[in-house]
Amino acid sequence: METIFPLPHIEFRSLSDVKEERPTALLTGKRSWEVAGKFLELPVVVQAEPNKAEAGFFDMLAENLPPQVEGVYGVGGGLVADSAKYIGWKRQLPVVIIPTALSADGFFTALVALREGGTVRYVTTGPAANLIVDWDVILTAPRNLRGAAIVELLTIVTGLLDWRYAAERSKTTPETRYMPWAAGLMAGIAQQAFKIAGGVGSGNVEAMRNLLDLVCMEVQLTNQLGHNRPQEGSEQFFAYAVERRAGGGRPVPYADLVGPGILIAAALHRQDIAPIRATLASAGIRLGQIKPDDLITTIKELPDYVNAHDLPYSILNDIDPTSEDVIELLATTGLDATGARPL
């Protein structure tokens, strides 16, 4: 059976107006709860602070949920949202997500990104029932997190390049065949991201609302297609591969990994890096959070990595990361993939 999932029901309101009566399981983080908890009145039965996105860990949380719980709240960022969706799916409970920053598109998707065997595996849980946005809360987030979901729109640039690259080599599946109309719509969404980046970086509410709307459009289009190929390619495969090194076993802000990945993927596709780099920087995305040694080691492993994990076909399947041509291309990112100078 084919299913096209909807977005969550989205409300824009003050958290102090939220009146929850159902006994609740709360998933949150320390900083997030310090910010949002003073406004929320929740009948909390059990509270947890997820620190990893692993199926076994999420299963343990779900299995130990007290029987009187009637709803699950996720208050915080992407990891919290994924844990809430997973637990709600496992226990067949309604899920309410309250983001404390617009840091990822996972608040809106029907998927949970699990870390498994050194890569990411998606589980379809269905979307949260409700998503509550309080701009006063979101605007208190650090600049590098507040509107970091803009990277989800900029990955479209390189995701589309990889999707077309695979199609030209007959490496897509029947389910993920290249669709020019979908590529055109996605390209339009990405184009708008370049226009709003400065406002997102400065915390302008109108720009942040535009960001939310564009992310919703991106998510709904991938829901319609039933796959993420227009928005997920070599830039995110790099992020998957480097995460275990960059985090040292701890969660790392998604944008800190995929932002550099976008530059790397764009360089490999021989795109002009300058406007992409400037857009990421103006939106507040940090590009120097990965250690040079980790960056270089990961890039050298990428062809073997995508093959070992059977990731969708991309330009990474065909590069020789030690070739002079690739080294010269990667040098244009300003990330110092050659190790010739510090970041």
Protein backbone atom coordinates (compact mmCIF):
# COMPACT_ATOMS: atom_id res chain seq x y z
CA MET A 1 0.00 0.00 0.00
CA GLU A 2 1.30 3.43 -0.96
CA THR A 3 0.91 6.20 1.62
CA ILE A 4 1.37 9.93 1.15
CA PHE A 5 1.90 11.41 4.60
CA PRO A 6 0.70 14.89 5.57
CA LEU A 7 2.46 17.55 7.58
CA PRO A 8 1.71 17.81 11.29
CA HIS A 9 -1.05 20.16 12.38
CA ILE A 10 0.91 23.39 12.95
CA GLU A 11 -0.11 26.07 15.46
CA PHE A 12 1.57 29.42 16.07
CA ARG A 13 0.92 30.34 19.69
CA SER A 14 2.46 31.23 23.01
CA LEU A 15 3.54 28.21 25.02
CA SER A 16 1.90 29.75 28.06
CA ASP A 17 -1.46 29.18 26.32
CA VAL A 18 -0.88 25.43 26.02
CA LYS A 19 -3.15 23.58 28.43
CA GLU A 20 -2.49 19.85 28.31
CA GLU A 21 -4.64 17.52 30.39
CA ARG A 22 -3.39 14.13 29.18
CA PRO A 23 -0.74 12.38 31.30
CA THR A 24 2.43 13.06 29.35
CA ALA A 25 5.83 11.60 28.56
CA LEU A 26 8.29 14.45 28.02
CA LEU A 27 11.39 14.19 25.82
CA THR A 28 13.59 17.25 26.03
CA GLY A 29 17.10 18.57 26.62
CA LYS A 30 18.53 20.61 29.46
CA ARG A 31 18.83 23.92 27.62
CA SER A 32 15.56 23.44 25.76
CA TRP A 33 13.62 22.82 28.94
CA GLU A 34 15.26 25.77 30.68
CA VAL A 35 13.90 27.96 27.89
CA ALA A 36 10.48 26.40 27.25
CA GLY A 37 9.68 24.74 30.56
CA LYS A 38 8.92 27.99 32.38
CA PHE A 39 6.02 28.60 29.99
CA LEU A 40 4.58 25.09 29.73
CA GLU A 41 2.17 23.41 32.07
CA LEU A 42 2.36 19.69 31.36
CA PRO A 43 1.10 16.82 33.53
CA VAL A 44 4.45 15.01 33.20
CA VAL A 45 4.47 11.36 34.24
CA VAL A 46 7.99 10.63 33.02
CA GLN A 47 10.78 12.76 31.55
CA ALA A 48 13.90 11.77 29.59
CA GLU A 49 16.76 13.59 27.86
CA PRO A 50 17.72 11.55 24.76
CA ASN A 51 21.43 11.59 23.93
CA LYS A 52 21.63 9.25 20.94
CA ALA A 53 19.48 8.28 17.98
CA GLU A 54 19.77 4.51 18.16
CA ALA A 55 16.90 2.06 17.77
CA GLY A 56 17.82 0.09 20.87
CA PHE A 57 17.87 3.22 22.99
CA PHE A 58 14.56 4.48 21.61
CA ASP A 59 13.03 1.01 22.06
CA MET A 60 14.13 0.99 25.69
CA LEU A 61 12.46 4.36 26.29
CA ALA A 62 9.27 3.15 24.61
CA GLU A 63 9.16 -0.14 26.50
CA ASN A 64 9.59 1.59 29.85
CA LEU A 65 6.87 4.15 29.31
CA PRO A 66 4.41 4.08 32.25
CA PRO A 67 1.01 2.70 31.22
CA GLN A 68 -0.86 5.83 32.27
CA VAL A 69 0.88 7.99 29.63
CA GLU A 70 -1.60 9.22 27.00
CA GLY A 71 0.60 11.55 24.96
CA VAL A 72 4.23 12.23 24.08
CA TYR A 73 5.80 15.70 23.97
CA GLY A 74 9.10 16.47 22.28
CA VAL A 75 10.45 19.87 23.36
CA GLY A 76 13.77 20.83 21.80
CA GLY A 77 15.70 20.00 18.63
CA GLY A 78 15.90 17.29 16.00
CA LEU A 79 17.03 14.46 18.27
CA VAL A 80 14.19 15.14 20.69
CA ALA A 81 11.68 15.28 17.83
CA ASP A 82 12.90 11.95 16.46
CA SER A 83 12.75 10.28 19.85
CA ALA A 84 9.21 11.56 20.46
CA LYS A 85 7.99 10.40 17.04
CA TYR A 86 9.58 6.99 17.47
CA ILE A 87 8.15 6.42 20.95
CA GLY A 88 4.73 7.65 19.88
CA TRP A 89 4.82 5.28 16.91
CA LYS A 90 5.90 2.33 19.02
CA ARG A 91 3.27 2.93 21.69
CA GLN A 92 0.55 4.24 19.34
CA LEU A 93 0.31 7.55 21.18
CA PRO A 94 -0.26 11.08 19.85
CA VAL A 95 2.89 13.20 19.59
CA VAL A 96 3.25 16.95 20.09
CA ILE A 97 6.51 18.60 19.03
CA ILE A 98 7.62 22.01 20.27
CA PRO A 99 10.83 23.15 18.57
CA THR A 100 13.09 25.50 20.47
CA ALA A 101 14.92 26.32 17.21
CA LEU A 102 14.13 25.75 13.54
CA SER A 103 17.18 23.53 13.27
CA ALA A 104 16.04 20.69 10.96
CA ASP A 105 13.15 19.47 8.82
CA GLY A 106 12.62 16.42 11.05
CA PHE A 107 10.00 18.33 13.04
CA PHE A 108 7.74 18.09 9.98
CA THR A 109 8.61 14.72 8.44
CA ALA A 110 7.11 11.25 8.78
CA LEU A 111 10.61 9.79 9.24
CA VAL A 112 13.04 9.18 12.08
CA ALA A 113 16.76 9.13 11.30
CA LEU A 114 18.40 6.32 13.27
CA ARG A 115 22.17 5.89 13.56
CA GLU A 116 23.03 2.31 12.77
CA GLY A 117 26.31 0.70 11.73
CA GLY A 118 28.05 4.02 11.12
CA THR A 119 25.37 5.48 8.87
CA VAL A 120 21.75 6.70 8.92
CA ARG A 121 18.72 4.46 8.50
CA TYR A 122 15.26 5.96 8.14
CA VAL A 123 12.23 4.50 9.88
CA THR A 124 8.77 5.63 8.79
CA THR A 125 6.81 6.54 11.90
CA GLY A 126 4.30 8.97 10.46
CA PRO A 127 4.36 12.67 11.37
CA ALA A 128 3.69 14.16 14.78
CA ALA A 129 0.05 14.96 15.41
CA ASN A 130 0.74 18.55 16.39
CA LEU A 131 3.59 21.03 16.14
CA ILE A 132 3.52 24.22 18.20
CA VAL A 133 5.66 27.19 17.20
CA ASP A 134 6.31 30.02 19.65
CA TRP A 135 8.51 32.60 17.93
CA ASP A 136 9.51 34.18 21.24
CA VAL A 137 11.05 30.85 22.25
CA ILE A 138 12.69 30.12 18.91
CA LEU A 139 14.27 33.56 18.70
CA THR A 140 16.16 32.93 21.95
CA ALA A 141 18.10 30.06 20.33
CA PRO A 142 21.78 30.52 19.45
CA ARG A 143 22.32 32.02 15.99
CA ASN A 144 23.91 28.85 14.62
CA LEU A 145 20.83 26.80 15.56
CA ARG A 146 17.93 29.28 15.33
CA GLY A 147 17.40 28.91 11.59
CA ALA A 148 19.73 26.01 10.82
CA ALA A 149 16.97 24.24 8.88
CA ILE A 150 18.02 26.45 5.96
CA VAL A 151 20.63 23.79 5.24
CA GLU A 152 17.72 21.44 4.43
CA LEU A 153 16.86 23.81 1.59
CA LEU A 154 20.44 24.29 0.41
CA THR A 155 20.99 20.53 0.25
CA ILE A 156 18.50 20.67 -2.62
CA VAL A 157 21.22 22.32 -4.73
CA THR A 158 23.56 19.34 -4.50
CA GLY A 159 20.80 16.76 -4.02
CA LEU A 160 19.36 17.65 -7.43
CA LEU A 161 22.81 17.47 -9.02
CA ASP A 162 23.33 13.96 -7.63
CA TRP A 163 19.81 12.86 -8.61
CA ARG A 164 20.36 13.95 -12.21
CA TYR A 165 23.91 12.52 -12.17
CA ALA A 166 22.52 9.12 -11.16
CA ALA A 167 19.74 9.29 -13.75
CA GLU A 168 22.18 10.10 -16.56
CA ARG A 169 24.06 6.90 -15.68
CA SER A 170 20.89 4.79 -15.32
CA LYS A 171 21.54 4.39 -11.59
CA THR A 172 18.15 5.40 -10.21
CA THR A 173 15.47 2.89 -9.28
CA PRO A 174 11.95 2.85 -10.78
CA GLU A 175 10.72 4.41 -7.53
CA THR A 176 13.34 7.17 -7.59
CA ARG A 177 13.38 7.91 -11.32
CA TYR A 178 14.32 11.48 -12.21
CA MET A 179 11.31 13.76 -12.62
CA PRO A 180 12.06 17.14 -14.23
CA TRP A 181 8.88 18.72 -12.87
CA ALA A 182 9.79 17.77 -9.30
CA ALA A 183 13.37 18.95 -9.82
CA GLY A 184 12.04 22.30 -11.06
CA LEU A 185 9.82 22.78 -8.02
CA MET A 186 12.63 21.86 -5.65
CA ALA A 187 15.04 24.21 -7.42
CA GLY A 188 12.58 27.05 -6.87
CA ILE A 189 12.48 26.29 -3.15
CA ALA A 190 16.27 26.34 -2.97
CA GLN A 191 16.39 29.63 -4.85
CA GLN A 192 14.26 31.26 -2.17
CA ALA A 193 16.65 30.04 0.53
CA PHE A 194 19.39 32.23 -0.94
CA LYS A 195 17.07 35.24 -0.67
CA ILE A 196 16.09 34.79 2.98
CA ALA A 197 19.45 33.71 4.43
CA GLY A 198 20.44 37.13 5.77
CA GLY A 199 17.10 37.58 7.52
CA VAL A 200 17.34 34.09 8.99
CA GLY A 201 20.80 34.84 10.33
CA SER A 202 19.61 38.06 11.98
CA GLY A 203 16.53 36.41 13.49
CA ASN A 204 13.98 38.35 11.45
CA VAL A 205 10.57 36.81 12.18
CA GLU A 206 9.29 37.24 8.63
CA ALA A 207 12.37 35.48 7.25
CA MET A 208 12.00 32.74 9.85
CA ARG A 209 8.37 32.24 8.87
CA ASN A 210 9.45 32.06 5.23
CA LEU A 211 11.99 29.44 6.24
CA LEU A 212 9.31 27.39 7.96
CA ASP A 213 7.03 27.64 4.93
CA LEU A 214 9.78 26.60 2.54
CA VAL A 215 10.78 23.64 4.72
CA CYS A 216 7.13 22.56 4.79
CA MET A 217 7.02 22.75 0.98
CA GLU A 218 10.23 20.69 0.74
CA VAL A 219 8.90 18.04 3.13
CA GLN A 220 5.50 17.82 1.46
CA LEU A 221 7.06 17.41 -1.98
CA THR A 222 9.27 14.56 -0.77
CA ASN A 223 6.17 13.07 0.87
CA GLN A 224 4.45 13.19 -2.52
CA LEU A 225 7.41 11.55 -4.25
CA GLY A 226 7.93 8.93 -1.55
CA HIS A 227 11.70 9.50 -1.39
CA ASN A 228 14.33 12.14 -0.58
CA ARG A 229 16.49 12.08 -3.71
CA PRO A 230 15.84 15.72 -4.68
CA GLN A 231 17.07 16.85 -1.27
CA GLU A 232 19.55 14.23 -0.12
CA GLY A 233 22.78 13.35 -1.85
CA SER A 234 26.52 13.37 -1.40
CA GLU A 235 26.40 16.35 0.97
CA GLN A 236 24.44 14.33 3.53
CA PHE A 237 26.40 11.15 2.88
CA PHE A 238 29.50 13.12 3.91
CA ALA A 239 27.67 14.24 7.06
CA TYR A 240 26.75 10.63 7.89
CA ALA A 241 30.35 9.52 7.44
CA VAL A 242 32.00 12.30 9.45
CA GLU A 243 29.49 12.35 12.31
CA ARG A 244 31.02 9.50 14.28
CA ARG A 245 34.40 11.25 14.24
CA ALA A 246 33.21 14.80 14.78
CA GLY A 247 30.93 13.89 17.65
CA GLY A 248 33.10 11.42 19.49
CA GLY A 249 29.91 9.55 20.37
CA ARG A 250 27.97 12.70 21.27
CA PRO A 251 25.22 14.38 19.20
CA VAL A 252 26.53 17.08 16.86
CA PRO A 253 24.38 19.88 15.41
CA TYR A 254 23.26 18.62 12.02
CA ALA A 255 24.09 21.87 10.26
CA ASP A 256 27.72 21.76 11.47
CA LEU A 257 28.16 18.57 9.45
CA VAL A 258 25.99 19.05 6.40
CA GLY A 259 26.98 22.69 5.81
CA PRO A 260 30.55 21.69 4.93
CA GLY A 261 29.09 18.70 3.08
CA ILE A 262 27.17 21.03 0.78
CA LEU A 263 30.38 22.86 -0.12
CA ILE A 264 32.21 19.58 -0.75
CA ALA A 265 29.43 18.19 -2.93
CA ALA A 266 29.10 21.45 -4.87
CA ALA A 267 32.84 21.50 -5.52
CA LEU A 268 32.80 17.93 -6.81
CA HIS A 269 30.01 18.93 -9.20
CA ARG A 270 32.16 21.90 -10.32
CA GLN A 271 29.76 24.53 -9.04
CA ASP A 272 30.64 28.06 -8.00
CA ILE A 273 31.21 27.76 -4.25
CA ALA A 274 31.21 31.46 -3.41
CA PRO A 275 27.44 32.16 -3.31
CA ILE A 276 26.69 28.95 -1.42
CA ARG A 277 29.37 29.64 1.17
CA ALA A 278 28.23 33.26 1.58
CA THR A 279 24.62 32.13 2.00
CA LEU A 280 25.49 29.58 4.67
CA ALA A 281 27.57 32.13 6.56
CA SER A 282 24.91 34.84 6.39
CA ALA A 283 22.34 32.40 7.80
CA GLY A 284 24.60 31.72 10.78
CA ILE A 285 25.75 28.23 9.76
CA ARG A 286 29.17 27.32 11.17
CA LEU A 287 31.61 25.90 8.64
CA GLY A 288 34.70 25.31 10.75
CA GLN A 289 33.52 22.84 13.37
CA ILE A 290 35.09 19.72 11.84
CA LYS A 291 38.75 19.10 12.62
CA PRO A 292 40.94 19.16 9.48
CA ASP A 293 42.23 15.62 10.11
CA ASP A 294 38.67 14.30 10.44
CA LEU A 295 37.65 16.14 7.29
CA ILE A 296 40.52 14.75 5.23
CA THR A 297 40.19 11.19 6.52
CA THR A 298 36.45 11.15 5.85
CA ILE A 299 36.80 12.45 2.31
CA LYS A 300 39.36 9.78 1.50
CA GLU A 301 36.94 7.10 2.71
CA LEU A 302 33.80 8.39 0.98
CA PRO A 303 33.79 6.15 -2.14
CA ASP A 304 34.20 3.03 -0.01
CA TYR A 305 31.69 4.36 2.53
CA VAL A 306 28.83 4.90 0.07
CA ASN A 307 29.43 1.50 -1.48
CA ALA A 308 29.66 -0.30 1.86
CA HIS A 309 26.36 1.19 3.03
CA ASP A 310 24.63 0.90 -0.36
CA LEU A 311 23.68 4.57 -0.35
CA PRO A 312 21.85 6.04 -3.36
CA TYR A 313 24.13 6.58 -6.33
CA SER A 314 25.91 9.93 -6.40
CA ILE A 315 29.10 11.51 -7.64
CA LEU A 316 30.86 9.96 -4.65
CA ASN A 317 30.60 6.57 -6.33
CA ASP A 318 32.89 7.74 -9.12
CA ILE A 319 35.55 9.97 -7.55
CA ASP A 320 39.14 9.22 -6.67
CA PRO A 321 39.67 11.42 -3.61
CA THR A 322 43.46 11.22 -4.00
CA SER A 323 43.51 12.50 -7.58
CA GLU A 324 44.97 15.95 -8.26
CA ASP A 325 41.73 17.05 -9.94
CA VAL A 326 39.59 16.23 -6.91
CA ILE A 327 42.09 17.78 -4.50
CA GLU A 328 42.05 20.99 -6.55
CA LEU A 329 38.25 21.04 -6.59
CA LEU A 330 38.00 20.50 -2.84
CA ALA A 331 40.49 23.30 -2.20
CA THR A 332 37.91 25.74 -3.61
CA THR A 333 35.59 25.06 -0.63
CA GLY A 334 37.82 26.95 1.77
CA LEU A 335 37.53 23.98 4.15
CA ASP A 336 41.13 22.98 3.50
CA ALA A 337 40.47 19.43 2.42
CA THR A 338 44.09 19.26 1.26
CA GLY A 339 45.50 20.00 4.72
CA ALA A 340 47.73 22.70 3.24
CA ARG A 341 46.54 25.42 5.62
CA PRO A 342 44.38 25.68 8.74
CA LEU A 343 40.64 26.26 8.51
